[in-house]
Amino acid sequence: MTAANVNVPSIVVSKAGNGNVTAADKSINCGSGCTSFYNDGTAVTLTASPASGTVFGGWSGACSGNLLTCSVTVNESLAVGATFKQLFTLSVGRSNPGTITASPFGVDRALDCGSNCSAKFANGTTVVLTATPPAGKQFVNWTGSGAGACSLSPVPTCSVVISKDTSIQANFSK
């Protein structure tokens, strides 16, 4: 006798970061276990739930995209990945009158500052800041913990990759 290699219909969920993945039928709850077996042809809806201080980064494997839910039909062994990214605060200030805008928007609000302001961004997000001086004034430079390479050039546009809580200031002439 030889053993048959049978592909059993199942879902195995792997997670990166802090969050939970559950199945609508309660068969999967990644807080306690991330594998479940199903009858062939079963439709399963998975839901990603980011933990406090994180945001859902997206699905991989049998699921794709960054919506919080994913539906699959289980006809074989399926692997599903769920990524959760930590949130960090980008704080922006200015030395004199002027405005600072950011692209993309933060996960909690748009960063569009006439004075000091902040927004939360997912780890790894590249944020492009643009400083606009008022009429008759000039942009001088960027300073602060997030200025990095931007502080080397007096250009009013600065790209910051978010990997920690970051502070940056746009300096305008008086």
Protein backbone atom coordinates (compact mmCIF):
# COMPACT_ATOMS: atom_id res chain seq x y z
CA MET A 1 0.00 0.00 0.00
CA THR A 2 1.14 3.53 -0.70
CA ALA A 3 -0.08 6.74 0.87
CA ALA A 4 -2.03 9.08 -1.35
CA ASN A 5 -1.15 12.76 -1.33
CA VAL A 6 -4.59 14.29 -0.96
CA ASN A 7 -5.12 18.03 -1.16
CA VAL A 8 -7.59 18.67 1.67
CA PRO A 9 -9.75 21.80 1.26
CA SER A 10 -8.52 24.21 3.92
CA ILE A 11 -7.43 27.76 4.63
CA VAL A 12 -4.17 28.57 6.39
CA VAL A 13 -3.84 32.23 7.38
CA SER A 14 -0.47 33.83 8.17
CA LYS A 15 -0.31 37.28 9.75
CA ALA A 16 2.35 39.96 9.78
CA GLY A 17 1.88 42.68 12.38
CA ASN A 18 -0.76 43.18 15.06
CA GLY A 19 -4.30 42.37 14.11
CA ASN A 20 -6.77 39.53 13.80
CA VAL A 21 -8.34 37.57 10.97
CA THR A 22 -11.68 35.85 11.45
CA ALA A 23 -14.00 33.81 9.24
CA ALA A 24 -17.68 34.73 9.12
CA ASP A 25 -18.51 31.12 10.12
CA LYS A 26 -16.25 31.48 13.20
CA SER A 27 -14.02 28.60 12.05
CA ILE A 28 -10.97 30.89 11.86
CA ASN A 29 -9.90 33.28 14.60
CA CYS A 30 -6.20 34.06 14.27
CA GLY A 31 -6.00 35.08 17.89
CA SER A 32 -6.28 31.37 18.73
CA GLY A 33 -5.61 29.48 15.47
CA CYS A 34 -5.24 30.22 11.81
CA THR A 35 -6.10 26.97 10.06
CA SER A 36 -9.48 25.48 9.25
CA PHE A 37 -10.68 22.58 7.11
CA TYR A 38 -13.79 22.85 4.91
CA ASN A 39 -16.04 20.79 2.70
CA ASP A 40 -15.10 21.10 -0.97
CA GLY A 41 -16.72 24.19 -2.56
CA THR A 42 -17.40 26.07 0.69
CA ALA A 43 -17.55 29.87 0.33
CA VAL A 44 -15.69 31.60 3.16
CA THR A 45 -15.51 35.32 3.98
CA LEU A 46 -12.44 36.46 5.94
CA THR A 47 -12.33 39.75 7.83
CA ALA A 48 -9.16 41.58 8.89
CA SER A 49 -9.35 43.57 12.14
CA PRO A 50 -6.35 45.85 12.83
CA ALA A 51 -5.26 46.18 16.46
CA SER A 52 -5.14 49.59 18.09
CA GLY A 53 -2.28 51.65 16.62
CA THR A 54 -2.21 49.66 13.37
CA VAL A 55 -3.88 49.76 9.98
CA PHE A 56 -4.62 46.91 7.58
CA GLY A 57 -1.93 46.77 4.88
CA GLY A 58 -3.49 44.17 2.58
CA TRP A 59 -4.02 40.53 1.66
CA SER A 60 -1.73 38.14 -0.19
CA GLY A 61 -2.01 34.58 -1.49
CA ALA A 62 -5.58 33.42 -2.23
CA CYS A 63 -6.84 36.89 -1.27
CA SER A 64 -5.66 40.20 -2.70
CA GLY A 65 -6.27 43.89 -2.25
CA ASN A 66 -6.61 46.02 0.87
CA LEU A 67 -10.33 45.83 1.66
CA LEU A 68 -11.00 44.50 5.16
CA THR A 69 -12.93 41.50 3.80
CA CYS A 70 -12.01 38.79 1.33
CA SER A 71 -14.21 35.97 0.00
CA VAL A 72 -12.82 32.68 -1.32
CA THR A 73 -14.23 29.34 -2.42
CA VAL A 74 -12.30 26.49 -0.82
CA ASN A 75 -11.62 23.71 -3.34
CA GLU A 76 -8.04 23.01 -2.26
CA SER A 77 -5.55 24.02 0.41
CA LEU A 78 -5.43 27.83 0.31
CA ALA A 79 -2.78 30.08 1.84
CA VAL A 80 -3.85 33.60 2.80
CA GLY A 81 -1.59 36.34 4.17
CA ALA A 82 -2.76 39.40 6.11
CA THR A 83 -0.44 42.33 6.78
CA PHE A 84 -1.01 44.90 9.51
CA LYS A 85 1.19 48.02 9.62
CA GLN A 86 2.05 50.09 12.66
CA LEU A 87 0.91 53.72 12.66
CA PHE A 88 3.27 56.60 13.36
CA THR A 89 2.61 60.31 13.82
CA LEU A 90 4.09 62.89 11.45
CA SER A 91 4.11 66.30 13.17
CA VAL A 92 4.69 69.35 11.00
CA GLY A 93 5.50 72.88 12.12
CA ARG A 94 6.56 76.16 10.57
CA SER A 95 8.87 78.93 11.70
CA ASN A 96 6.92 81.86 10.23
CA PRO A 97 3.68 82.31 8.25
CA GLY A 98 3.25 79.85 5.40
CA THR A 99 1.43 76.59 4.70
CA ILE A 100 2.46 72.94 4.47
CA THR A 101 0.48 70.25 2.65
CA ALA A 102 1.09 66.51 2.44
CA SER A 103 0.31 63.78 -0.05
CA PRO A 104 -1.11 61.23 0.52
CA PHE A 105 -3.61 61.99 3.29
CA GLY A 106 -2.94 60.47 6.69
CA VAL A 107 -5.13 57.58 7.81
CA ASP A 108 -6.89 59.87 10.31
CA ARG A 109 -6.90 63.21 8.48
CA ALA A 110 -5.41 65.32 5.71
CA LEU A 111 -2.27 67.15 6.68
CA ASP A 112 -2.88 70.73 5.48
CA CYS A 113 -1.22 73.10 7.91
CA GLY A 114 -1.30 76.81 8.33
CA SER A 115 0.49 76.20 11.65
CA ASN A 116 1.48 73.15 13.69
CA CYS A 117 -0.41 69.97 12.87
CA SER A 118 -0.07 66.21 12.67
CA ALA A 119 -1.50 63.10 11.04
CA LYS A 120 -0.96 59.34 11.34
CA PHE A 121 0.64 57.29 8.57
CA ALA A 122 1.31 53.57 8.13
CA ASN A 123 4.88 52.36 8.53
CA GLY A 124 6.70 52.57 5.18
CA THR A 125 4.50 55.29 3.69
CA THR A 126 6.32 57.92 1.63
CA VAL A 127 4.84 61.32 2.41
CA VAL A 128 5.56 64.27 0.11
CA LEU A 129 5.45 67.59 1.98
CA THR A 130 5.11 70.88 0.12
CA ALA A 131 5.85 74.19 1.86
CA THR A 132 4.30 77.35 0.42
CA PRO A 133 5.49 80.72 1.75
CA PRO A 134 3.11 83.69 1.83
CA ALA A 135 3.46 86.44 -0.78
CA GLY A 136 6.76 88.29 -0.50
CA LYS A 137 8.44 85.60 1.64
CA GLN A 138 10.77 82.72 0.78
CA PHE A 139 11.08 79.10 1.78
CA VAL A 140 14.42 78.67 3.64
CA ASN A 141 14.80 74.98 4.56
CA TRP A 142 13.48 71.92 6.41
CA THR A 143 14.63 71.03 9.94
CA GLY A 144 13.68 68.44 12.54
CA SER A 145 14.07 64.71 13.10
CA GLY A 146 12.35 63.90 9.81
CA ALA A 147 14.20 66.39 7.61
CA GLY A 148 16.97 63.91 6.70
CA ALA A 149 18.26 64.54 3.20
CA CYS A 150 15.73 67.37 2.75
CA SER A 151 17.76 69.55 5.11
CA LEU A 152 20.64 69.46 2.61
CA SER A 153 18.70 71.27 -0.10
CA PRO A 154 16.55 74.42 0.15
CA VAL A 155 13.73 72.92 -1.95
CA PRO A 156 10.14 73.45 -0.73
CA THR A 157 9.18 69.83 -1.50
CA CYS A 158 10.41 67.06 0.78
CA SER A 159 9.79 63.28 0.72
CA VAL A 160 9.73 61.56 4.11
CA VAL A 161 9.50 57.77 4.56
CA ILE A 162 7.60 57.10 7.77
CA SER A 163 9.27 54.50 10.03
CA LYS A 164 8.82 56.14 13.44
CA ASP A 165 7.12 59.16 15.02
CA THR A 166 8.59 62.05 13.03
CA SER A 167 8.78 65.83 13.43
CA ILE A 168 9.68 68.22 10.66
CA GLN A 169 9.53 71.99 10.35
CA ALA A 170 9.31 74.23 7.30
CA ASN A 171 11.30 77.43 7.78
CA PHE A 172 10.19 80.56 5.96
CA SER A 173 11.88 83.97 5.79
CA LYS A 174 10.58 86.72 8.08
